[in-house]
Amino acid sequence: MEKQLIISIGREFGSGGHVIAEALSKKFNIPMYDHNLLDHIAEEKNLDLATLKKFDEKPRNVLLSRTIKGHSSSPSDHIAMMQFDYIKRKAEKGESFVIVGRCAEMVLKDFEGMISIFILGDKECKTKRVQEVYDISKEEARKKMERHDVYRKQYHNSYCDSKWGDSRSYDLCVNSSRLGIDGTVAMLADYIRARRGESK
């Protein structure tokens, strides 16, 4: 049986982390989970997909939620826990996959085949990328980056003991601005193969 491979990708908005995750998924011929997790969960539990998406990777609203006897009333908490449970069940079955975000470096840290990566980038490179992808101005791009990274940081830090983007929480942190997207993918693929004891 082939060794399990789980690639966890954390990312700054605009760093190309999602594109890099897609490329690694294709390179190692394993499925990728990100927003599509909600499609699987909605189908499995017969839930409304639009509602799940509304609270996906969003921090809990402390003004609109409370915890009673260890049970939270926050929709964000419920959706996060459903995603954590889903990827953990996949991992426990021995499946290999790429997972983007979802605190996977914490949720799946005990699995031997797990490799956790955080993708960051230079502000100017990220801004330019966001401008091109969303066809917006430089100022709009920077505001969008800041807003999404605040959400990601709050979401991550509310469920993990470690801090979002802290290099000590990941196997590898990479600035995608240095080698570009393709160069970063190639370097990460080499690293993953080396970790698995494989030759090119």
Protein backbone atom coordinates (compact mmCIF):
# COMPACT_ATOMS: atom_id res chain seq x y z
CA MET A 1 0.00 0.00 0.00
CA GLU A 2 1.34 3.45 -0.94
CA LYS A 3 2.36 5.73 1.91
CA GLN A 4 -0.22 8.30 2.91
CA LEU A 5 0.51 11.87 1.84
CA ILE A 6 -1.36 14.83 3.30
CA ILE A 7 -0.21 18.28 2.19
CA SER A 8 -1.57 21.10 4.34
CA ILE A 9 -1.36 24.58 2.81
CA GLY A 10 -1.79 27.73 4.90
CA ARG A 11 -1.54 30.97 2.95
CA GLU A 12 -1.59 34.73 2.95
CA PHE A 13 -4.19 36.24 0.63
CA GLY A 14 -2.61 36.99 -2.75
CA SER A 15 0.38 34.71 -2.21
CA GLY A 16 -0.84 32.17 -4.77
CA GLY A 17 -1.27 29.52 -2.09
CA HIS A 18 -4.44 28.16 -3.64
CA VAL A 19 -2.89 27.87 -7.12
CA ILE A 20 0.17 26.20 -5.60
CA ALA A 21 -2.08 23.74 -3.76
CA GLU A 22 -3.89 22.91 -7.04
CA ALA A 23 -0.57 22.32 -8.78
CA LEU A 24 0.69 20.01 -6.01
CA SER A 25 -2.60 18.12 -6.12
CA LYS A 26 -2.08 17.46 -9.84
CA LYS A 27 1.62 16.70 -9.47
CA PHE A 28 1.05 14.03 -6.80
CA ASN A 29 -2.28 12.91 -8.30
CA ILE A 30 -4.25 13.34 -5.07
CA PRO A 31 -7.52 15.24 -4.46
CA MET A 32 -7.59 18.75 -3.08
CA TYR A 33 -10.02 20.02 -0.47
CA ASP A 34 -10.78 23.68 0.16
CA HIS A 35 -14.20 25.29 -0.29
CA ASN A 36 -15.39 22.07 -1.90
CA LEU A 37 -15.35 20.49 1.57
CA LEU A 38 -18.66 22.24 2.12
CA ASP A 39 -20.19 20.55 -0.93
CA HIS A 40 -19.34 17.15 0.55
CA ILE A 41 -20.55 18.08 4.03
CA ALA A 42 -23.81 19.60 2.74
CA GLU A 43 -24.54 16.44 0.76
CA GLU A 44 -23.53 14.11 3.59
CA LYS A 45 -25.58 15.89 6.25
CA ASN A 46 -28.36 17.25 4.03
CA LEU A 47 -27.56 20.87 4.93
CA ASP A 48 -27.98 24.12 3.01
CA LEU A 49 -24.77 24.81 1.09
CA ALA A 50 -25.32 28.59 0.90
CA THR A 51 -25.54 28.80 4.70
CA LEU A 52 -22.35 26.78 5.12
CA LYS A 53 -20.48 29.02 2.67
CA LYS A 54 -21.61 32.15 4.52
CA PHE A 55 -19.66 31.11 7.62
CA ASP A 56 -16.75 29.26 5.99
CA GLU A 57 -13.33 30.15 7.48
CA LYS A 58 -14.88 33.09 9.33
CA PRO A 59 -14.13 33.84 12.98
CA ARG A 60 -17.00 33.46 15.42
CA ASN A 61 -18.97 36.61 16.23
CA VAL A 62 -18.58 36.85 20.00
CA LEU A 63 -21.56 39.21 20.26
CA LEU A 64 -23.91 36.75 18.57
CA SER A 65 -22.70 33.50 20.10
CA ARG A 66 -22.36 31.93 23.51
CA THR A 67 -21.15 28.67 24.99
CA ILE A 68 -23.30 26.68 27.38
CA LYS A 69 -21.91 23.52 29.01
CA GLY A 70 -19.18 23.34 26.38
CA HIS A 71 -21.58 23.70 23.42
CA SER A 72 -21.25 26.77 21.21
CA SER A 73 -24.20 28.47 19.50
CA SER A 74 -21.92 29.97 16.85
CA PRO A 75 -22.58 28.82 13.24
CA SER A 76 -18.89 29.45 12.49
CA ASP A 77 -17.90 27.04 15.26
CA HIS A 78 -20.27 24.34 14.04
CA ILE A 79 -19.07 24.62 10.43
CA ALA A 80 -15.41 24.65 11.46
CA MET A 81 -15.87 21.53 13.60
CA MET A 82 -17.71 19.74 10.78
CA GLN A 83 -14.77 20.47 8.45
CA PHE A 84 -12.19 19.39 11.03
CA ASP A 85 -14.12 16.16 11.57
CA TYR A 86 -14.45 15.53 7.82
CA ILE A 87 -10.72 15.86 7.04
CA LYS A 88 -9.80 13.84 10.13
CA ARG A 89 -12.05 10.99 9.00
CA LYS A 90 -10.44 11.12 5.55
CA ALA A 91 -6.99 10.94 7.12
CA GLU A 92 -7.98 8.11 9.47
CA LYS A 93 -9.06 6.07 6.45
CA GLY A 94 -5.50 6.42 5.11
CA GLU A 95 -6.47 8.70 2.23
CA SER A 96 -3.97 11.09 0.66
CA PHE A 97 -5.00 14.66 -0.20
CA VAL A 98 -4.08 18.34 -0.29
CA ILE A 99 -6.00 20.52 2.17
CA VAL A 100 -6.06 24.34 1.99
CA GLY A 101 -6.54 26.19 5.29
CA ARG A 102 -9.04 24.74 7.79
CA CYS A 103 -6.38 24.64 10.55
CA ALA A 104 -5.20 21.36 9.01
CA GLU A 105 -1.64 21.67 10.33
CA MET A 106 -3.16 21.41 13.82
CA VAL A 107 -6.09 19.06 13.15
CA LEU A 108 -3.94 16.50 11.30
CA LYS A 109 -0.60 17.01 13.06
CA ASP A 110 -0.49 13.46 14.45
CA PHE A 111 -0.60 11.77 11.04
CA GLU A 112 2.81 10.54 9.91
CA GLY A 113 2.19 11.41 6.25
CA MET A 114 1.32 15.04 6.96
CA ILE A 115 3.48 17.86 5.56
CA SER A 116 2.48 21.38 6.56
CA ILE A 117 3.41 24.40 4.45
CA PHE A 118 2.68 28.11 4.80
CA ILE A 119 2.83 30.33 1.70
CA LEU A 120 3.54 34.03 2.12
CA GLY A 121 4.63 36.75 -0.27
CA ASP A 122 5.95 40.28 -0.68
CA LYS A 123 3.26 42.94 -0.34
CA GLU A 124 3.82 44.41 -3.81
CA CYS A 125 3.73 41.01 -5.52
CA LYS A 126 0.58 40.01 -3.67
CA THR A 127 -1.09 43.33 -4.45
CA LYS A 128 -0.33 42.99 -8.16
CA ARG A 129 -1.66 39.44 -8.20
CA VAL A 130 -4.90 40.40 -6.46
CA GLN A 131 -5.36 43.33 -8.85
CA GLU A 132 -5.00 41.02 -11.85
CA VAL A 133 -7.15 38.19 -10.50
CA TYR A 134 -10.04 40.40 -9.37
CA ASP A 135 -9.59 43.28 -11.85
CA ILE A 136 -9.53 45.92 -9.11
CA SER A 137 -7.42 48.95 -8.23
CA LYS A 138 -4.25 48.85 -6.15
CA GLU A 139 -6.03 50.42 -3.18
CA GLU A 140 -8.94 47.96 -3.43
CA ALA A 141 -6.50 45.06 -3.69
CA ARG A 142 -4.66 46.08 -0.53
CA LYS A 143 -7.89 46.48 1.42
CA LYS A 144 -9.07 43.08 0.21
CA MET A 145 -5.78 41.46 1.23
CA GLU A 146 -5.87 43.02 4.68
CA ARG A 147 -9.51 42.05 5.24
CA HIS A 148 -9.05 38.42 4.21
CA ASP A 149 -5.85 37.98 6.20
CA VAL A 150 -7.52 39.39 9.31
CA TYR A 151 -10.35 36.84 8.88
CA ARG A 152 -7.89 34.00 8.37
CA LYS A 153 -5.78 34.98 11.34
CA GLN A 154 -8.77 35.34 13.67
CA TYR A 155 -10.29 32.08 12.45
CA HIS A 156 -7.04 30.14 12.83
CA ASN A 157 -6.08 31.58 16.19
CA SER A 158 -9.50 30.92 17.69
CA TYR A 159 -9.15 27.15 17.07
CA CYS A 160 -5.39 26.59 17.35
CA ASP A 161 -2.87 26.97 20.15
CA SER A 162 -0.30 28.11 17.60
CA LYS A 163 -0.44 31.44 15.77
CA TRP A 164 -1.38 31.77 12.09
CA GLY A 165 1.77 32.15 9.95
CA ASP A 166 4.19 31.43 12.83
CA SER A 167 7.03 29.47 11.22
CA ARG A 168 7.27 27.16 14.26
CA SER A 169 3.81 25.79 13.45
CA TYR A 170 4.71 24.49 9.98
CA ASP A 171 7.26 22.17 8.40
CA LEU A 172 8.11 24.83 5.84
CA CYS A 173 7.29 28.50 5.21
CA VAL A 174 7.91 29.78 1.68
CA ASN A 175 7.85 33.26 0.13
CA SER A 176 6.32 32.61 -3.30
CA SER A 177 7.52 36.01 -4.54
CA ARG A 178 11.11 34.75 -4.67
CA LEU A 179 10.73 31.92 -7.21
CA GLY A 180 7.30 32.74 -8.60
CA ILE A 181 4.39 30.29 -8.58
CA ASP A 182 5.91 27.67 -10.90
CA GLY A 183 9.31 27.81 -9.20
CA THR A 184 7.70 27.51 -5.77
CA VAL A 185 5.67 24.49 -6.89
CA ALA A 186 8.81 22.79 -8.25
CA MET A 187 10.76 23.48 -5.06
CA LEU A 188 7.92 22.22 -2.84
CA ALA A 189 7.52 19.08 -4.94
CA ASP A 190 11.23 18.34 -4.46
CA TYR A 191 10.89 18.93 -0.71
CA ILE A 192 7.86 16.64 -0.46
CA ARG A 193 9.60 13.88 -2.40
CA ALA A 194 12.67 14.22 -0.17
CA ARG A 195 10.48 13.99 2.94
CA ARG A 196 8.97 10.81 1.54
CA GLY A 197 12.38 9.36 0.68
CA GLU A 198 11.71 9.49 -3.04
CA SER A 199 14.01 10.48 -5.88
CA LYS A 200 12.87 12.92 -8.60
